[in-house]
PDB file of N, CA and C in Angstrom:
ATOM      1  N   MET A   1       0.821  -1.196   0.000  1.00  0.00           N
ATOM      2  CA  MET A   1       0.000   0.000   0.000  1.00  0.00           C
ATOM      3  C   MET A   1       0.870   1.267   0.000  1.00  0.00           C
ATOM      4  N   ALA A   2       1.938   1.258   0.796  1.00  0.00           N
ATOM      5  CA  ALA A   2       2.833   2.419   0.855  1.00  0.00           C
ATOM      6  C   ALA A   2       3.460   2.676  -0.511  1.00  0.00           C
ATOM      7  N   VAL A   3       3.803   1.604  -1.212  1.00  0.00           N
ATOM      8  CA  VAL A   3       4.398   1.747  -2.540  1.00  0.00           C
ATOM      9  C   VAL A   3       3.396   2.415  -3.485  1.00  0.00           C
ATOM     10  N   MET A   4       2.141   2.015  -3.399  1.00  0.00           N
ATOM     11  CA  MET A   4       1.097   2.589  -4.245  1.00  0.00           C
ATOM     12  C   MET A   4       0.923   4.076  -3.961  1.00  0.00           C
ATOM     13  N   ILE A   5       0.953   4.477  -2.709  1.00  0.00           N
ATOM     14  CA  ILE A   5       0.819   5.889  -2.342  1.00  0.00           C
ATOM     15  C   ILE A   5       1.993   6.691  -2.894  1.00  0.00           C
ATOM     16  N   ILE A   6       3.186   6.151  -2.796  1.00  0.00           N
ATOM     17  CA  ILE A   6       4.369   6.832  -3.327  1.00  0.00           C
ATOM     18  C   ILE A   6       4.270   6.962  -4.841  1.00  0.00           C
ATOM     19  N   MET A   7       3.811   5.907  -5.525  1.00  0.00           N
ATOM     20  CA  MET A   7       3.673   5.954  -6.982  1.00  0.00           C
ATOM     21  C   MET A   7       2.666   7.028  -7.398  1.00  0.00           C
ATOM     22  N   VAL A   8       1.541   7.104  -6.707  1.00  0.00           N
ATOM     23  CA  VAL A   8       0.529   8.105  -7.020  1.00  0.00           C
ATOM     24  C   VAL A   8       1.082   9.500  -6.752  1.00  0.00           C
ATOM     25  N   ALA A   9       1.787   9.683  -5.659  1.00  0.00           N
ATOM     26  CA  ALA A   9       2.378  10.989  -5.334  1.00  0.00           C
ATOM     27  C   ALA A   9       3.376  11.400  -6.411  1.00  0.00           C
ATOM     28  N   CYS A  10       4.176  10.478  -6.871  1.00  0.00           N
ATOM     29  CA  CYS A  10       5.150  10.777  -7.930  1.00  0.00           C
ATOM     30  C   CYS A  10       4.440  11.140  -9.230  1.00  0.00           C
ATOM     31  N   MET A  11       3.384  10.426  -9.557  1.00  0.00           N
ATOM     32  CA  MET A  11       2.632  10.721 -10.771  1.00  0.00           C
ATOM     33  C   MET A  11       2.017  12.108 -10.687  1.00  0.00           C
ATOM     34  N   ARG A  12       1.463  12.466  -9.552  1.00  0.00           N
ATOM     35  CA  ARG A  12       0.869  13.789  -9.389  1.00  0.00           C
ATOM     36  C   ARG A  12       1.941  14.872  -9.498  1.00  0.00           C
ATOM     37  N   PHE A  13       3.113  14.636  -8.907  1.00  0.00           N
ATOM     38  CA  PHE A  13       4.207  15.598  -8.995  1.00  0.00           C
ATOM     39  C   PHE A  13       4.623  15.783 -10.437  1.00  0.00           C
ATOM     40  N   HIS A  14       4.717  14.701 -11.184  1.00  0.00           N
ATOM     41  CA  HIS A  14       5.114  14.770 -12.589  1.00  0.00           C
ATOM     42  C   HIS A  14       4.106  15.584 -13.391  1.00  0.00           C
ATOM     43  N   VAL A  15       2.836  15.389 -13.141  1.00  0.00           N
ATOM     44  CA  VAL A  15       1.797  16.107 -13.867  1.00  0.00           C
ATOM     45  C   VAL A  15       1.901  17.600 -13.612  1.00  0.00           C
ATOM     46  N   THR A  16       2.214  18.000 -12.390  1.00  0.00           N
ATOM     47  CA  THR A  16       2.304  19.424 -12.096  1.00  0.00           C
ATOM     48  C   THR A  16       3.524  20.063 -12.753  1.00  0.00           C
ATOM     49  N   LEU A  17       4.539  19.271 -13.099  1.00  0.00           N
ATOM     50  CA  LEU A  17       5.703  19.828 -13.774  1.00  0.00           C
ATOM     51  C   LEU A  17       5.438  20.079 -15.249  1.00  0.00           C
ATOM     52  N   ALA A  18       4.524  19.350 -15.839  1.00  0.00           N
ATOM     53  CA  ALA A  18       4.208  19.512 -17.252  1.00  0.00           C
ATOM     54  C   ALA A  18       3.204  20.638 -17.410  1.00  0.00           C
ATOM     55  N   GLY A  19       3.511  21.567 -18.312  1.00  0.00           N
ATOM     56  CA  GLY A  19       2.598  22.670 -18.543  1.00  0.00           C
ATOM     57  C   GLY A  19       1.569  22.330 -19.603  1.00  0.00           C
ATOM     58  N   GLU A  20       0.757  23.295 -19.881  1.00  0.00           N
ATOM     59  CA  GLU A  20      -0.271  23.159 -20.908  1.00  0.00           C
ATOM     60  C   GLU A  20       0.380  23.256 -22.288  1.00  0.00           C
ATOM     61  N   VAL A  21      -0.114  22.473 -23.231  1.00  0.00           N
ATOM     62  CA  VAL A  21       0.334  22.594 -24.617  1.00  0.00           C
ATOM     63  C   VAL A  21      -0.563  23.619 -25.289  1.00  0.00           C
ATOM     64  N   ILE A  22       0.049  24.691 -25.766  1.00  0.00           N
ATOM     65  CA  ILE A  22      -0.696  25.792 -26.377  1.00  0.00           C
ATOM     66  C   ILE A  22      -0.386  25.825 -27.862  1.00  0.00           C
ATOM     67  N   THR A  23      -1.421  25.657 -28.683  1.00  0.00           N
ATOM     68  CA  THR A  23      -1.244  25.743 -30.130  1.00  0.00           C
ATOM     69  C   THR A  23      -1.096  27.213 -30.505  1.00  0.00           C
ATOM     70  N   VAL A  24       0.072  27.567 -31.014  1.00  0.00           N
ATOM     71  CA  VAL A  24       0.356  28.959 -31.355  1.00  0.00           C
ATOM     72  C   VAL A  24      -0.613  29.432 -32.440  1.00  0.00           C
ATOM     73  N   GLY A  25      -1.293  30.538 -32.159  1.00  0.00           N
ATOM     74  CA  GLY A  25      -2.244  31.112 -33.095  1.00  0.00           C
ATOM     75  C   GLY A  25      -3.632  30.517 -33.026  1.00  0.00           C
ATOM     76  N   GLY A  26      -3.825  29.523 -32.146  1.00  0.00           N
ATOM     77  CA  GLY A  26      -5.136  28.870 -32.068  1.00  0.00           C
ATOM     78  C   GLY A  26      -5.467  28.204 -33.391  1.00  0.00           C
ATOM     79  N   PRO A  27      -6.670  28.404 -33.920  1.00  0.00           N
ATOM     80  CA  PRO A  27      -7.063  27.763 -35.177  1.00  0.00           C
ATOM     81  C   PRO A  27      -6.206  28.191 -36.377  1.00  0.00           C
ATOM     82  N   LEU A  28      -5.616  29.376 -36.315  1.00  0.00           N
ATOM     83  CA  LEU A  28      -4.750  29.855 -37.396  1.00  0.00           C
ATOM     84  C   LEU A  28      -3.494  29.007 -37.525  1.00  0.00           C
ATOM     85  N   GLY A  29      -2.988  28.506 -36.396  1.00  0.00           N
ATOM     86  CA  GLY A  29      -1.725  27.775 -36.425  1.00  0.00           C
ATOM     87  C   GLY A  29      -0.573  28.732 -36.667  1.00  0.00           C
ATOM     88  N   TRP A  30       0.581  28.188 -37.036  1.00  0.00           N
ATOM     89  CA  TRP A  30       1.769  29.016 -37.271  1.00  0.00           C
ATOM     90  C   TRP A  30       1.908  29.226 -38.780  1.00  0.00           C
ATOM     91  N   ASN A  31       1.172  30.201 -39.289  1.00  0.00           N
ATOM     92  CA  ASN A  31       1.116  30.528 -40.710  1.00  0.00           C
ATOM     93  C   ASN A  31       1.019  32.033 -40.865  1.00  0.00           C
ATOM     94  N   VAL A  32       1.199  32.519 -42.087  1.00  0.00           N
ATOM     95  CA  VAL A  32       1.045  33.951 -42.334  1.00  0.00           C
ATOM     96  C   VAL A  32      -0.415  34.324 -42.060  1.00  0.00           C
ATOM     97  N   PRO A  33      -0.634  35.302 -41.193  1.00  0.00           N
ATOM     98  CA  PRO A  33      -2.019  35.676 -40.861  1.00  0.00           C
ATOM     99  C   PRO A  33      -2.659  36.531 -41.961  1.00  0.00           C
ATOM    100  N   LYS A  34      -3.977  36.491 -42.018  1.00  0.00           N
ATOM    101  CA  LYS A  34      -4.706  37.359 -42.951  1.00  0.00           C
ATOM    102  C   LYS A  34      -4.607  38.806 -42.484  1.00  0.00           C
ATOM    103  N   ASN A  35      -4.684  38.989 -41.164  1.00  0.00           N
ATOM    104  CA  ASN A  35      -4.577  40.310 -40.559  1.00  0.00           C
ATOM    105  C   ASN A  35      -3.250  40.362 -39.802  1.00  0.00           C
ATOM    106  N   PRO A  36      -2.391  41.343 -40.072  1.00  0.00           N
ATOM    107  CA  PRO A  36      -1.089  41.421 -39.397  1.00  0.00           C
ATOM    108  C   PRO A  36      -1.162  41.475 -37.866  1.00  0.00           C
ATOM    109  N   LYS A  37      -2.324  41.780 -37.304  1.00  0.00           N
ATOM    110  CA  LYS A  37      -2.463  41.873 -35.848  1.00  0.00           C
ATOM    111  C   LYS A  37      -3.009  40.587 -35.225  1.00  0.00           C
ATOM    112  N   ASP A  38      -3.274  39.564 -36.039  1.00  0.00           N
ATOM    113  CA  ASP A  38      -3.881  38.329 -35.520  1.00  0.00           C
ATOM    114  C   ASP A  38      -3.088  37.707 -34.372  1.00  0.00           C
ATOM    115  N   TYR A  39      -1.775  37.583 -34.512  1.00  0.00           N
ATOM    116  CA  TYR A  39      -0.974  36.946 -33.453  1.00  0.00           C
ATOM    117  C   TYR A  39      -0.872  37.824 -32.212  1.00  0.00           C
ATOM    118  N   THR A  40      -0.834  39.125 -32.412  1.00  0.00           N
ATOM    119  CA  THR A  40      -0.801  40.041 -31.267  1.00  0.00           C
ATOM    120  C   THR A  40      -2.099  39.925 -30.472  1.00  0.00           C
ATOM    121  N   LEU A  41      -3.227  39.889 -31.188  1.00  0.00           N
ATOM    122  CA  LEU A  41      -4.525  39.741 -30.522  1.00  0.00           C
ATOM    123  C   LEU A  41      -4.628  38.386 -29.828  1.00  0.00           C
ATOM    124  N   TRP A  42      -4.160  37.341 -30.509  1.00  0.00           N
ATOM    125  CA  TRP A  42      -4.207  35.990 -29.933  1.00  0.00           C
ATOM    126  C   TRP A  42      -3.359  35.910 -28.661  1.00  0.00           C
ATOM    127  N   SER A  43      -2.108  36.365 -28.729  1.00  0.00           N
ATOM    128  CA  SER A  43      -1.207  36.232 -27.576  1.00  0.00           C
ATOM    129  C   SER A  43      -1.662  37.098 -26.406  1.00  0.00           C
ATOM    130  N   GLY A  44      -2.323  38.213 -26.689  1.00  0.00           N
ATOM    131  CA  GLY A  44      -2.829  39.071 -25.625  1.00  0.00           C
ATOM    132  C   GLY A  44      -3.930  38.411 -24.803  1.00  0.00           C
ATOM    133  N   LYS A  45      -4.585  37.415 -25.370  1.00  0.00           N
ATOM    134  CA  LYS A  45      -5.657  36.699 -24.667  1.00  0.00           C
ATOM    135  C   LYS A  45      -5.157  35.463 -23.924  1.00  0.00           C
ATOM    136  N   GLN A  46      -3.876  35.125 -24.117  1.00  0.00           N
ATOM    137  CA  GLN A  46      -3.326  33.912 -23.519  1.00  0.00           C
ATOM    138  C   GLN A  46      -2.717  34.201 -22.154  1.00  0.00           C
ATOM    139  N   LYS A  47      -2.702  33.173 -21.319  1.00  0.00           N
ATOM    140  CA  LYS A  47      -1.975  33.244 -20.057  1.00  0.00           C
ATOM    141  C   LYS A  47      -0.855  32.201 -20.170  1.00  0.00           C
ATOM    142  N   PHE A  48       0.355  32.678 -20.393  1.00  0.00           N
ATOM    143  CA  PHE A  48       1.504  31.800 -20.543  1.00  0.00           C
ATOM    144  C   PHE A  48       2.184  31.606 -19.190  1.00  0.00           C
ATOM    145  N   LEU A  49       2.478  30.370 -18.857  1.00  0.00           N
ATOM    146  CA  LEU A  49       3.169  30.043 -17.611  1.00  0.00           C
ATOM    147  C   LEU A  49       4.439  29.263 -17.907  1.00  0.00           C
ATOM    148  N   THR A  50       5.407  29.371 -16.998  1.00  0.00           N
ATOM    149  CA  THR A  50       6.600  28.535 -17.165  1.00  0.00           C
ATOM    150  C   THR A  50       6.140  27.081 -17.169  1.00  0.00           C
ATOM    151  N   THR A  51       6.780  26.289 -17.918  1.00  0.00           N
ATOM    152  CA  THR A  51       6.507  24.867 -18.201  1.00  0.00           C
ATOM    153  C   THR A  51       5.428  24.672 -19.272  1.00  0.00           C
ATOM    154  N   ASP A  52       4.729  25.744 -19.706  1.00  0.00           N
ATOM    155  CA  ASP A  52       3.820  25.593 -20.836  1.00  0.00           C
ATOM    156  C   ASP A  52       4.643  25.280 -22.085  1.00  0.00           C
ATOM    157  N   VAL A  53       4.011  24.598 -23.010  1.00  0.00           N
ATOM    158  CA  VAL A  53       4.669  24.199 -24.257  1.00  0.00           C
ATOM    159  C   VAL A  53       3.970  24.893 -25.412  1.00  0.00           C
ATOM    160  N   LEU A  54       4.736  25.650 -26.192  1.00  0.00           N
ATOM    161  CA  LEU A  54       4.192  26.287 -27.382  1.00  0.00           C
ATOM    162  C   LEU A  54       4.316  25.301 -28.539  1.00  0.00           C
ATOM    163  N   TRP A  55       3.217  25.038 -29.209  1.00  0.00           N
ATOM    164  CA  TRP A  55       3.219  24.115 -30.331  1.00  0.00           C
ATOM    165  C   TRP A  55       3.039  24.919 -31.621  1.00  0.00           C
ATOM    166  N   PHE A  56       4.101  24.981 -32.397  1.00  0.00           N
ATOM    167  CA  PHE A  56       4.103  25.663 -33.685  1.00  0.00           C
ATOM    168  C   PHE A  56       3.709  24.624 -34.737  1.00  0.00           C
ATOM    169  N   THR A  57       2.461  24.690 -35.227  1.00  0.00           N
ATOM    170  CA  THR A  57       1.896  23.610 -36.036  1.00  0.00           C
ATOM    171  C   THR A  57       2.236  23.656 -37.516  1.00  0.00           C
ATOM    172  N   GLY A  58       2.636  24.770 -38.042  1.00  0.00           N
ATOM    173  CA  GLY A  58       2.919  24.861 -39.470  1.00  0.00           C
ATOM    174  C   GLY A  58       4.303  24.356 -39.810  1.00  0.00           C
ATOM    175  N   LYS A  59       4.657  24.473 -41.080  1.00  0.00           N
ATOM    176  CA  LYS A  59       5.983  24.056 -41.534  1.00  0.00           C
ATOM    177  C   LYS A  59       6.991  25.195 -41.464  1.00  0.00           C
ATOM    178  N   ASP A  60       6.502  26.400 -41.157  1.00  0.00           N
ATOM    179  CA  ASP A  60       7.396  27.552 -41.105  1.00  0.00           C
ATOM    180  C   ASP A  60       8.314  27.486 -39.891  1.00  0.00           C
ATOM    181  N   SER A  61       9.506  28.004 -40.058  1.00  0.00           N
ATOM    182  CA  SER A  61      10.485  28.038 -38.979  1.00  0.00           C
ATOM    183  C   SER A  61      10.107  29.110 -37.962  1.00  0.00           C
ATOM    184  N   VAL A  62      10.737  29.015 -36.806  1.00  0.00           N
ATOM    185  CA  VAL A  62      10.484  29.995 -35.755  1.00  0.00           C
ATOM    186  C   VAL A  62      11.801  30.328 -35.065  1.00  0.00           C
ATOM    187  N   ALA A  63      11.950  31.596 -34.713  1.00  0.00           N
ATOM    188  CA  ALA A  63      13.114  32.036 -33.953  1.00  0.00           C
ATOM    189  C   ALA A  63      12.632  32.787 -32.724  1.00  0.00           C
ATOM    190  N   GLU A  64      13.263  32.493 -31.601  1.00  0.00           N
ATOM    191  CA  GLU A  64      13.067  33.336 -30.431  1.00  0.00           C
ATOM    192  C   GLU A  64      14.168  34.376 -30.506  1.00  0.00           C
ATOM    193  N   VAL A  65      13.806  35.640 -30.404  1.00  0.00           N
ATOM    194  CA  VAL A  65      14.758  36.731 -30.581  1.00  0.00           C
ATOM    195  C   VAL A  65      14.649  37.729 -29.431  1.00  0.00           C
ATOM    196  N   LYS A  66      15.593  38.640 -29.369  1.00  0.00           N
ATOM    197  CA  LYS A  66      15.553  39.738 -28.399  1.00  0.00           C
ATOM    198  C   LYS A  66      14.503  40.759 -28.847  1.00  0.00           C
ATOM    199  N   GLU A  67      14.089  41.613 -27.937  1.00  0.00           N
ATOM    200  CA  GLU A  67      13.013  42.568 -28.213  1.00  0.00           C
ATOM    201  C   GLU A  67      13.303  43.448 -29.428  1.00  0.00           C
ATOM    202  N   LYS A  68      14.486  44.005 -29.521  1.00  0.00           N
ATOM    203  CA  LYS A  68      14.820  44.896 -30.641  1.00  0.00           C
ATOM    204  C   LYS A  68      14.724  44.141 -31.975  1.00  0.00           C
ATOM    205  N   ALA A  69      15.203  42.913 -31.992  1.00  0.00           N
ATOM    206  CA  ALA A  69      15.146  42.106 -33.213  1.00  0.00           C
ATOM    207  C   ALA A  69      13.702  41.762 -33.576  1.00  0.00           C
ATOM    208  N   TYR A  70      12.848  41.610 -32.583  1.00  0.00           N
ATOM    209  CA  TYR A  70      11.435  41.314 -32.815  1.00  0.00           C
ATOM    210  C   TYR A  70      10.788  42.433 -33.641  1.00  0.00           C
ATOM    211  N   TYR A  71      11.002  43.675 -33.231  1.00  0.00           N
ATOM    212  CA  TYR A  71      10.357  44.796 -33.907  1.00  0.00           C
ATOM    213  C   TYR A  71      10.920  45.047 -35.301  1.00  0.00           C
ATOM    214  N   SER A  72      12.168  44.681 -35.543  1.00  0.00           N
ATOM    215  CA  SER A  72      12.755  44.869 -36.871  1.00  0.00           C
ATOM    216  C   SER A  72      12.750  43.578 -37.699  1.00  0.00           C
ATOM    217  N   CYS A  73      12.206  42.502 -37.134  1.00  0.00           N
ATOM    218  CA  CYS A  73      12.177  41.186 -37.808  1.00  0.00           C
ATOM    219  C   CYS A  73      13.582  40.736 -38.210  1.00  0.00           C
ATOM    220  N   ASP A  74      14.527  40.953 -37.325  1.00  0.00           N
ATOM    221  CA  ASP A  74      15.934  40.603 -37.567  1.00  0.00           C
ATOM    222  C   ASP A  74      16.225  39.214 -37.010  1.00  0.00           C
ATOM    223  N   ILE A  75      16.651  38.303 -37.880  1.00  0.00           N
ATOM    224  CA  ILE A  75      16.928  36.916 -37.462  1.00  0.00           C
ATOM    225  C   ILE A  75      18.420  36.596 -37.391  1.00  0.00           C
ATOM    226  N   LYS A  76      19.267  37.616 -37.451  1.00  0.00           N
ATOM    227  CA  LYS A  76      20.713  37.382 -37.496  1.00  0.00           C
ATOM    228  C   LYS A  76      21.271  36.684 -36.251  1.00  0.00           C
ATOM    229  N   ASN A  77      20.819  37.048 -35.066  1.00  0.00           N
ATOM    230  CA  ASN A  77      21.349  36.487 -33.820  1.00  0.00           C
ATOM    231  C   ASN A  77      20.223  35.990 -32.926  1.00  0.00           C
ATOM    232  N   PRO A  78      19.541  34.925 -33.320  1.00  0.00           N
ATOM    233  CA  PRO A  78      18.416  34.458 -32.506  1.00  0.00           C
ATOM    234  C   PRO A  78      18.860  33.865 -31.179  1.00  0.00           C
ATOM    235  N   VAL A  79      17.987  33.951 -30.192  1.00  0.00           N
ATOM    236  CA  VAL A  79      18.201  33.287 -28.911  1.00  0.00           C
ATOM    237  C   VAL A  79      18.084  31.784 -29.133  1.00  0.00           C
ATOM    238  N   ARG A  80      17.114  31.422 -29.983  1.00  0.00           N
ATOM    239  CA  ARG A  80      16.853  30.016 -30.303  1.00  0.00           C
ATOM    240  C   ARG A  80      16.256  29.981 -31.709  1.00  0.00           C
ATOM    241  N   LEU A  81      16.672  29.009 -32.514  1.00  0.00           N
ATOM    242  CA  LEU A  81      16.181  28.877 -33.881  1.00  0.00           C
ATOM    243  C   LEU A  81      15.751  27.441 -34.124  1.00  0.00           C
ATOM    244  N   ILE A  82      14.534  27.284 -34.643  1.00  0.00           N
ATOM    245  CA  ILE A  82      14.025  25.954 -34.968  1.00  0.00           C
ATOM    246  C   ILE A  82      13.565  25.991 -36.417  1.00  0.00           C
ATOM    247  N   THR A  83      14.163  25.162 -37.243  1.00  0.00           N
ATOM    248  CA  THR A  83      13.850  25.179 -38.671  1.00  0.00           C
ATOM    249  C   THR A  83      13.122  23.924 -39.127  1.00  0.00           C
ATOM    250  N   SER A  84      12.763  23.051 -38.202  1.00  0.00           N
ATOM    251  CA  SER A  84      12.205  21.760 -38.591  1.00  0.00           C
ATOM    252  C   SER A  84      10.694  21.718 -38.667  1.00  0.00           C
ATOM    253  N   GLY A  85       9.964  22.689 -38.168  1.00  0.00           N
ATOM    254  CA  GLY A  85       8.514  22.734 -38.083  1.00  0.00           C
ATOM    255  C   GLY A  85       7.770  21.501 -38.574  1.00  0.00           C
ATOM    256  N   PRO A  86       6.677  21.103 -38.007  1.00  0.00           N
ATOM    257  CA  PRO A  86       6.145  21.690 -36.777  1.00  0.00           C
ATOM    258  C   PRO A  86       7.009  21.322 -35.572  1.00  0.00           C
ATOM    259  N   ASP A  87       6.986  22.158 -34.568  1.00  0.00           N
ATOM    260  CA  ASP A  87       7.831  21.900 -33.408  1.00  0.00           C
ATOM    261  C   ASP A  87       7.224  22.495 -32.150  1.00  0.00           C
ATOM    262  N   ARG A  88       7.828  22.113 -31.027  1.00  0.00           N
ATOM    263  CA  ARG A  88       7.370  22.575 -29.709  1.00  0.00           C
ATOM    264  C   ARG A  88       8.515  23.254 -28.969  1.00  0.00           C
ATOM    265  N   ILE A  89       8.163  24.288 -28.223  1.00  0.00           N
ATOM    266  CA  ILE A  89       9.125  24.999 -27.388  1.00  0.00           C
ATOM    267  C   ILE A  89       8.527  25.099 -25.988  1.00  0.00           C
ATOM    268  N   THR A  90       9.280  24.650 -24.991  1.00  0.00           N
ATOM    269  CA  THR A  90       8.847  24.757 -23.604  1.00  0.00           C
ATOM    270  C   THR A  90       9.314  26.094 -23.039  1.00  0.00           C
ATOM    271  N   LEU A  91       8.396  26.812 -22.429  1.00  0.00           N
ATOM    272  CA  LEU A  91       8.718  28.092 -21.795  1.00  0.00           C
ATOM    273  C   LEU A  91       9.301  27.804 -20.418  1.00  0.00           C
ATOM    274  N   LEU A  92      10.565  28.116 -20.233  1.00  0.00           N
ATOM    275  CA  LEU A  92      11.261  27.756 -19.003  1.00  0.00           C
ATOM    276  C   LEU A  92      11.442  28.906 -18.032  1.00  0.00           C
ATOM    277  N   THR A  93      11.408  30.133 -18.527  1.00  0.00           N
ATOM    278  CA  THR A  93      11.668  31.275 -17.645  1.00  0.00           C
ATOM    279  C   THR A  93      10.561  32.322 -17.765  1.00  0.00           C
ATOM    280  N   PRO A  94      10.237  32.989 -16.657  1.00  0.00           N
ATOM    281  CA  PRO A  94       9.248  34.066 -16.729  1.00  0.00           C
ATOM    282  C   PRO A  94       9.821  35.266 -17.480  1.00  0.00           C
ATOM    283  N   GLY A  95       8.923  36.120 -17.931  1.00  0.00           N
ATOM    284  CA  GLY A  95       9.329  37.319 -18.659  1.00  0.00           C
ATOM    285  C   GLY A  95       8.776  37.304 -20.073  1.00  0.00           C
ATOM    286  N   SER A  96       9.191  38.274 -20.861  1.00  0.00           N
ATOM    287  CA  SER A  96       8.729  38.385 -22.243  1.00  0.00           C
ATOM    288  C   SER A  96       9.625  37.571 -23.170  1.00  0.00           C
ATOM    289  N   HIS A  97       8.984  36.745 -23.986  1.00  0.00           N
ATOM    290  CA  HIS A  97       9.680  35.931 -24.987  1.00  0.00           C
ATOM    291  C   HIS A  97       9.145  36.340 -26.352  1.00  0.00           C
ATOM    292  N   PHE A  98      10.049  36.654 -27.268  1.00  0.00           N
ATOM    293  CA  PHE A  98       9.687  37.205 -28.568  1.00  0.00           C
ATOM    294  C   PHE A  98       9.931  36.150 -29.650  1.00  0.00           C
ATOM    295  N   PHE A  99       8.881  35.842 -30.430  1.00  0.00           N
ATOM    296  CA  PHE A  99       8.965  34.801 -31.453  1.00  0.00           C
ATOM    297  C   PHE A  99       8.605  35.380 -32.815  1.00  0.00           C
ATOM    298  N   ILE A 100       9.406  35.033 -33.825  1.00  0.00           N
ATOM    299  CA  ILE A 100       9.140  35.479 -35.187  1.00  0.00           C
ATOM    300  C   ILE A 100       9.343  34.315 -36.159  1.00  0.00           C
ATOM    301  N   CYS A 101       8.662  34.416 -37.305  1.00  0.00           N
ATOM    302  CA  CYS A 101       8.896  33.461 -38.377  1.00  0.00           C
ATOM    303  C   CYS A 101      10.128  33.932 -39.149  1.00  0.00           C
ATOM    304  N   THR A 102      10.963  33.013 -39.572  1.00  0.00           N
ATOM    305  CA  THR A 102      12.184  33.370 -40.299  1.00  0.00           C
ATOM    306  C   THR A 102      12.025  33.214 -41.808  1.00  0.00           C
ATOM    307  N   LYS A 103      10.870  32.750 -42.249  1.00  0.00           N
ATOM    308  CA  LYS A 103      10.653  32.455 -43.670  1.00  0.00           C
ATOM    309  C   LYS A 103      10.309  33.731 -44.448  1.00  0.00           C
ATOM    310  N   LEU A 104      11.098  33.994 -45.480  1.00  0.00           N
ATOM    311  CA  LEU A 104      10.877  35.122 -46.380  1.00  0.00           C
ATOM    312  C   LEU A 104      10.469  36.381 -45.628  1.00  0.00           C
ATOM    313  N   ASP A 105       9.327  36.955 -45.959  1.00  0.00           N
ATOM    314  CA  ASP A 105       8.893  38.205 -45.347  1.00  0.00           C
ATOM    315  C   ASP A 105       7.734  37.983 -44.373  1.00  0.00           C
ATOM    316  N   HIS A 106       7.593  36.750 -43.868  1.00  0.00           N
ATOM    317  CA  HIS A 106       6.448  36.412 -43.023  1.00  0.00           C
ATOM    318  C   HIS A 106       6.379  37.239 -41.744  1.00  0.00           C
ATOM    319  N   CYS A 107       7.507  37.519 -41.135  1.00  0.00           N
ATOM    320  CA  CYS A 107       7.507  38.327 -39.907  1.00  0.00           C
ATOM    321  C   CYS A 107       6.925  39.709 -40.176  1.00  0.00           C
ATOM    322  N   ASN A 108       7.352  40.333 -41.272  1.00  0.00           N
ATOM    323  CA  ASN A 108       6.827  41.662 -41.613  1.00  0.00           C
ATOM    324  C   ASN A 108       5.339  41.625 -41.947  1.00  0.00           C
ATOM    325  N   LEU A 109       4.820  40.445 -42.294  1.00  0.00           N
ATOM    326  CA  LEU A 109       3.390  40.288 -42.575  1.00  0.00           C
ATOM    327  C   LEU A 109       2.595  39.957 -41.313  1.00  0.00           C
ATOM    328  N   GLY A 110       3.283  39.917 -40.162  1.00  0.00           N
ATOM    329  CA  GLY A 110       2.599  39.729 -38.889  1.00  0.00           C
ATOM    330  C   GLY A 110       2.751  38.359 -38.253  1.00  0.00           C
ATOM    331  N   GLN A 111       3.588  37.500 -38.815  1.00  0.00           N
ATOM    332  CA  GLN A 111       3.782  36.167 -38.220  1.00  0.00           C
ATOM    333  C   GLN A 111       4.834  36.272 -37.118  1.00  0.00           C
ATOM    334  N   LYS A 112       4.387  36.841 -35.991  1.00  0.00           N
ATOM    335  CA  LYS A 112       5.244  37.041 -34.827  1.00  0.00           C
ATOM    336  C   LYS A 112       4.352  37.329 -33.634  1.00  0.00           C
ATOM    337  N   PHE A 113       4.876  37.056 -32.444  1.00  0.00           N
ATOM    338  CA  PHE A 113       4.099  37.356 -31.232  1.00  0.00           C
ATOM    339  C   PHE A 113       5.035  37.382 -30.024  1.00  0.00           C
ATOM    340  N   VAL A 114       4.516  37.966 -28.943  1.00  0.00           N
ATOM    341  CA  VAL A 114       5.226  38.035 -27.676  1.00  0.00           C
ATOM    342  C   VAL A 114       4.467  37.172 -26.676  1.00  0.00           C
ATOM    343  N   ALA A 115       5.184  36.292 -25.997  1.00  0.00           N
ATOM    344  CA  ALA A 115       4.603  35.491 -24.913  1.00  0.00           C
ATOM    345  C   ALA A 115       5.089  36.093 -23.604  1.00  0.00           C
ATOM    346  N   ASN A 116       4.188  36.712 -22.867  1.00  0.00           N
ATOM    347  CA  ASN A 116       4.507  37.259 -21.543  1.00  0.00           C
ATOM    348  C   ASN A 116       4.272  36.159 -20.529  1.00  0.00           C
ATOM    349  N   VAL A 117       5.360  35.557 -20.064  1.00  0.00           N
ATOM    350  CA  VAL A 117       5.322  34.336 -19.263  1.00  0.00           C
ATOM    351  C   VAL A 117       5.394  34.650 -17.766  1.00  0.00           C
ATOM    352  N   SER A 118       4.458  34.060 -17.031  1.00  0.00           N
ATOM    353  CA  SER A 118       4.436  34.187 -15.575  1.00  0.00           C
ATOM    354  C   SER A 118       4.941  32.899 -14.951  1.00  0.00           C
ATOM    355  N   PRO A 119       5.461  32.960 -13.734  1.00  0.00           N
ATOM    356  CA  PRO A 119       5.873  31.726 -13.053  1.00  0.00           C
ATOM    357  C   PRO A 119       4.663  30.813 -12.842  1.00  0.00           C
ATOM    358  N   SER A 120       4.876  29.496 -12.962  1.00  0.00           N
ATOM    359  CA  SER A 120       3.751  28.580 -12.746  1.00  0.00           C
ATOM    360  C   SER A 120       3.616  28.231 -11.280  1.00  0.00           C
TER     361      SER A 120
END
């Protein structure tokens, strides 16, 4: 019985470490938006927590960049670059995380967003 209680406690602990899987863009997915503000509006409605997992569903690449690079759509020195899409990124630290598409001119067309992450 004690072993069973320990196993259940470990399972519950493991579940609390895993965050929610959030599909980036909701139904839009990770694609060029029709409206350049779609991702900004979407991310503003989200509550991002550390350990949440961002799921980029499209084939487009994604870069996490610094704030200045986000506004200029500069991919020269990304914090993190993923070119394999679709892919997942786990949010590990609180604060603002800036994500842009690196494909052609997609970032300038609005395929970018900020995840304001709170501690879980």
